[in-house]
Each structure stands twice: as C-alpha cells, then as structure tokens.
C-alpha cells in the first residue's frame, strides 16, 4: 500500500496471518517515522492525519483486516527520493 493519509478516517489494522508492518510518520516530517510489526492477533490504531502505509514484513503471505471509521478519503503521498520503496 502506498504512503497516504486520511483527513478524518481512523484506521484499525488487525493482523490475521503472517507478519505485517505498519509504518507511520507525522504529516510533513519524513524523518520521524515509527514502525510497528504485528503478528496474528495483534492490532494497531492509526489516527487521522498520520501518514502511513501497511506492508508485508515477512517471507510468507500475510493477511490483515482493516476497519475504518469516519468520512473516507485517501490522500496519496508522492515518495521522496529518500523514502523506502
């Protein structure tokens, strides 16, 4: 999933299989990143305005459930040259 943020939507991400990584950073501050690695049964909350992306953090297939609340929007962020792919 590409880097993006939501203006009003809160994301709840639940890992079902494998290992997922939720990468977050404050809007406009690409140097201050956070990384959460989730195993099955673990979850995280991503608040509105937080730049984020969800990736597969393992060597096997992963599955996760994404629950969103709020007025939906998807604001894609163009990656800077220093951003990881």
N, C-alpha and C. Protein backbone atom coordinates (compact mmCIF):
# COMPACT_ATOMS: atom_id res chain seq x y z
N UNK A 1 0.85 -1.16 0.00
CA UNK A 1 0.00 0.00 0.00
C UNK A 1 0.91 1.24 0.00
N UNK A 2 0.63 2.24 -0.82
CA UNK A 2 1.50 3.43 -0.86
C UNK A 2 1.32 4.31 0.38
N UNK A 3 2.31 5.17 0.62
CA UNK A 3 2.18 6.15 1.69
C UNK A 3 0.96 7.01 1.41
N UNK A 4 0.16 7.25 2.46
CA UNK A 4 -1.03 8.07 2.33
C UNK A 4 -1.47 8.54 3.71
N UNK A 5 -2.48 9.39 3.73
CA UNK A 5 -3.11 9.78 4.98
C UNK A 5 -4.60 10.01 4.74
N UNK A 6 -5.35 10.04 5.82
CA UNK A 6 -6.78 10.32 5.77
C UNK A 6 -7.03 11.58 6.60
N UNK A 7 -7.90 12.45 6.11
CA UNK A 7 -8.21 13.68 6.83
C UNK A 7 -9.07 13.43 8.07
N UNK A 8 -10.01 12.50 7.97
CA UNK A 8 -10.95 12.26 9.08
C UNK A 8 -11.04 10.80 9.50
N UNK A 9 -10.48 9.89 8.73
CA UNK A 9 -10.63 8.46 8.98
C UNK A 9 -9.60 7.94 9.98
N UNK A 10 -10.09 7.14 10.93
CA UNK A 10 -9.22 6.38 11.82
C UNK A 10 -9.14 4.97 11.26
N UNK A 11 -7.93 4.43 11.15
CA UNK A 11 -7.71 3.04 10.70
C UNK A 11 -7.41 2.16 11.91
N UNK A 12 -8.05 1.00 11.97
CA UNK A 12 -7.67 -0.05 12.90
C UNK A 12 -7.22 -1.22 12.04
N UNK A 13 -6.01 -1.67 12.25
CA UNK A 13 -5.42 -2.75 11.44
C UNK A 13 -5.19 -3.96 12.34
N UNK A 14 -5.75 -5.11 11.95
CA UNK A 14 -5.64 -6.35 12.72
C UNK A 14 -4.90 -7.38 11.88
N UNK A 15 -3.79 -7.89 12.39
CA UNK A 15 -3.04 -8.93 11.69
C UNK A 15 -3.75 -10.27 11.87
N UNK A 16 -4.00 -10.95 10.76
CA UNK A 16 -4.67 -12.25 10.78
C UNK A 16 -3.70 -13.40 10.55
N UNK A 17 -2.79 -13.27 9.59
CA UNK A 17 -1.80 -14.29 9.25
C UNK A 17 -0.49 -13.63 8.87
N UNK A 18 0.63 -14.32 9.12
CA UNK A 18 1.93 -13.79 8.73
C UNK A 18 2.36 -12.66 9.65
N UNK A 19 3.09 -11.72 9.10
CA UNK A 19 3.55 -10.56 9.86
C UNK A 19 3.39 -9.32 8.98
N UNK A 20 2.78 -8.29 9.52
CA UNK A 20 2.62 -7.05 8.77
C UNK A 20 3.37 -5.94 9.48
N UNK A 21 3.68 -4.92 8.73
CA UNK A 21 4.38 -3.76 9.29
C UNK A 21 3.55 -2.51 9.01
N UNK A 22 3.23 -1.78 10.05
CA UNK A 22 2.54 -0.50 9.92
C UNK A 22 3.59 0.59 10.11
N UNK A 23 3.88 1.30 9.04
CA UNK A 23 4.86 2.39 9.10
C UNK A 23 4.09 3.70 9.19
N UNK A 24 4.48 4.55 10.14
CA UNK A 24 3.78 5.82 10.34
C UNK A 24 4.79 6.95 10.47
N UNK A 25 4.33 8.16 10.19
CA UNK A 25 5.13 9.36 10.41
C UNK A 25 4.19 10.55 10.51
N UNK A 26 4.66 11.58 11.15
CA UNK A 26 3.86 12.79 11.26
C UNK A 26 3.80 13.47 9.90
N UNK A 27 2.68 14.02 9.59
CA UNK A 27 2.49 14.66 8.30
C UNK A 27 3.53 15.73 8.06
N UNK A 28 4.24 15.61 6.93
CA UNK A 28 5.24 16.57 6.53
C UNK A 28 6.62 16.35 7.14
N UNK A 29 6.75 15.38 8.08
CA UNK A 29 8.05 15.12 8.71
C UNK A 29 8.49 13.71 8.35
N UNK A 30 9.19 13.58 7.25
CA UNK A 30 9.58 12.25 6.76
C UNK A 30 10.72 11.64 7.56
N UNK A 31 11.34 12.41 8.44
CA UNK A 31 12.44 11.87 9.23
C UNK A 31 11.96 11.18 10.51
N UNK A 32 10.77 11.52 10.97
CA UNK A 32 10.25 10.97 12.23
C UNK A 32 9.28 9.84 11.95
N UNK A 33 9.81 8.66 11.69
CA UNK A 33 8.97 7.52 11.33
C UNK A 33 8.87 6.55 12.51
N UNK A 34 7.73 5.88 12.56
CA UNK A 34 7.52 4.81 13.53
C UNK A 34 7.22 3.53 12.80
N UNK A 35 7.60 2.40 13.37
CA UNK A 35 7.35 1.11 12.75
C UNK A 35 6.77 0.17 13.80
N UNK A 36 5.64 -0.43 13.47
CA UNK A 36 5.04 -1.45 14.31
C UNK A 36 4.96 -2.74 13.52
N UNK A 37 5.54 -3.81 14.05
CA UNK A 37 5.42 -5.12 13.42
C UNK A 37 4.36 -5.90 14.18
N UNK A 38 3.37 -6.36 13.45
CA UNK A 38 2.24 -7.05 14.06
C UNK A 38 2.21 -8.51 13.66
N UNK A 39 1.98 -9.37 14.65
CA UNK A 39 1.80 -10.80 14.45
C UNK A 39 0.32 -11.11 14.58
N UNK A 40 -0.11 -12.31 14.16
CA UNK A 40 -1.52 -12.65 14.27
C UNK A 40 -2.08 -12.39 15.68
N UNK A 41 -3.22 -11.72 15.70
CA UNK A 41 -3.87 -11.37 16.96
C UNK A 41 -3.52 -9.98 17.46
N UNK A 42 -2.49 -9.35 16.90
CA UNK A 42 -2.11 -8.01 17.31
C UNK A 42 -2.76 -6.98 16.40
N UNK A 43 -2.91 -5.76 16.92
CA UNK A 43 -3.56 -4.70 16.15
C UNK A 43 -2.93 -3.36 16.47
N UNK A 44 -3.25 -2.38 15.63
CA UNK A 44 -2.82 -1.01 15.88
C UNK A 44 -3.87 -0.04 15.38
N UNK A 45 -3.80 1.16 15.90
CA UNK A 45 -4.71 2.24 15.50
C UNK A 45 -3.86 3.34 14.85
N UNK A 46 -4.37 3.86 13.73
CA UNK A 46 -3.69 4.96 13.03
C UNK A 46 -4.67 6.12 12.96
N UNK A 47 -4.32 7.20 13.63
CA UNK A 47 -5.21 8.35 13.75
C UNK A 47 -5.24 9.19 12.48
N UNK A 48 -6.32 9.96 12.28
CA UNK A 48 -6.42 10.85 11.12
C UNK A 48 -5.22 11.80 11.05
N UNK A 49 -4.78 12.08 9.83
CA UNK A 49 -3.67 13.00 9.61
C UNK A 49 -2.30 12.35 9.67
N UNK A 50 -2.22 11.11 10.14
CA UNK A 50 -0.94 10.40 10.23
C UNK A 50 -0.60 9.77 8.88
N UNK A 51 0.56 10.11 8.33
CA UNK A 51 1.00 9.45 7.10
C UNK A 51 1.34 8.01 7.45
N UNK A 52 0.92 7.07 6.59
CA UNK A 52 1.17 5.67 6.92
C UNK A 52 1.10 4.79 5.68
N UNK A 53 1.59 3.58 5.86
CA UNK A 53 1.41 2.51 4.88
C UNK A 53 1.55 1.18 5.60
N UNK A 54 0.93 0.16 5.04
CA UNK A 54 0.96 -1.20 5.59
C UNK A 54 1.69 -2.08 4.58
N UNK A 55 2.66 -2.86 5.05
CA UNK A 55 3.42 -3.74 4.18
C UNK A 55 3.54 -5.13 4.79
N UNK A 56 3.90 -6.10 3.96
CA UNK A 56 4.19 -7.45 4.42
C UNK A 56 5.59 -7.44 5.02
N UNK A 57 5.72 -7.81 6.29
CA UNK A 57 7.02 -7.78 6.96
C UNK A 57 7.68 -9.14 7.03
N UNK A 58 7.08 -10.15 6.41
CA UNK A 58 7.63 -11.49 6.49
C UNK A 58 7.96 -12.08 5.14
N UNK A 59 8.32 -13.35 5.17
CA UNK A 59 8.68 -14.07 3.94
C UNK A 59 7.51 -14.89 3.40
N UNK A 60 6.38 -14.86 4.10
CA UNK A 60 5.21 -15.63 3.66
C UNK A 60 4.06 -14.66 3.40
N UNK A 61 2.99 -15.20 2.90
CA UNK A 61 1.79 -14.40 2.65
C UNK A 61 1.25 -13.87 3.99
N UNK A 62 0.79 -12.65 3.97
CA UNK A 62 0.16 -12.09 5.16
C UNK A 62 -1.28 -11.70 4.83
N UNK A 63 -2.10 -11.66 5.87
CA UNK A 63 -3.48 -11.19 5.72
C UNK A 63 -3.77 -10.29 6.90
N UNK A 64 -4.52 -9.22 6.62
CA UNK A 64 -4.94 -8.35 7.71
C UNK A 64 -6.32 -7.81 7.44
N UNK A 65 -6.97 -7.40 8.50
CA UNK A 65 -8.29 -6.80 8.43
C UNK A 65 -8.12 -5.31 8.73
N UNK A 66 -8.66 -4.48 7.86
CA UNK A 66 -8.60 -3.03 8.05
C UNK A 66 -10.01 -2.52 8.30
N UNK A 67 -10.22 -1.90 9.45
CA UNK A 67 -11.51 -1.32 9.80
C UNK A 67 -11.31 0.19 9.86
N UNK A 68 -12.20 0.91 9.19
CA UNK A 68 -12.08 2.37 9.12
C UNK A 68 -13.36 3.01 9.63
N UNK A 69 -13.20 4.16 10.29
CA UNK A 69 -14.37 4.93 10.70
C UNK A 69 -14.11 6.40 10.38
N UNK A 70 -15.16 7.08 9.98
CA UNK A 70 -15.06 8.49 9.61
C UNK A 70 -15.38 8.67 8.15
N UNK A 71 -15.42 9.91 7.72
CA UNK A 71 -15.69 10.23 6.31
C UNK A 71 -14.46 9.85 5.49
N UNK A 72 -14.63 8.90 4.56
CA UNK A 72 -13.49 8.32 3.86
C UNK A 72 -12.85 9.28 2.86
N UNK A 73 -11.54 9.32 2.90
CA UNK A 73 -10.73 9.96 1.87
C UNK A 73 -9.38 9.24 1.84
N UNK A 74 -8.71 9.31 0.73
CA UNK A 74 -7.40 8.67 0.55
C UNK A 74 -6.50 9.69 -0.13
N UNK A 75 -5.54 10.20 0.61
CA UNK A 75 -4.63 11.22 0.10
C UNK A 75 -3.25 10.59 -0.09
N UNK A 76 -2.96 10.20 -1.32
CA UNK A 76 -1.69 9.55 -1.64
C UNK A 76 -0.56 10.57 -1.54
N UNK A 77 0.58 10.10 -1.04
CA UNK A 77 1.75 10.95 -0.88
C UNK A 77 2.81 10.50 -1.88
N UNK A 78 3.34 11.43 -2.64
CA UNK A 78 4.42 11.12 -3.56
C UNK A 78 5.69 10.90 -2.75
N UNK A 79 6.33 9.77 -2.96
CA UNK A 79 7.53 9.43 -2.22
C UNK A 79 8.69 10.33 -2.58
N UNK A 80 9.43 10.73 -1.57
CA UNK A 80 10.66 11.48 -1.79
C UNK A 80 11.76 10.48 -2.15
N UNK A 81 12.84 10.92 -2.80
CA UNK A 81 13.91 10.01 -3.18
C UNK A 81 14.48 9.24 -2.00
N UNK A 82 14.43 9.79 -0.79
CA UNK A 82 15.00 9.11 0.37
C UNK A 82 14.03 8.12 1.01
N UNK A 83 12.77 8.11 0.58
CA UNK A 83 11.78 7.20 1.14
C UNK A 83 12.07 5.77 0.69
N UNK A 84 11.88 4.80 1.61
CA UNK A 84 11.99 3.40 1.17
C UNK A 84 10.85 3.08 0.22
N UNK A 85 11.08 2.15 -0.66
CA UNK A 85 10.07 1.77 -1.67
C UNK A 85 8.83 1.22 -1.04
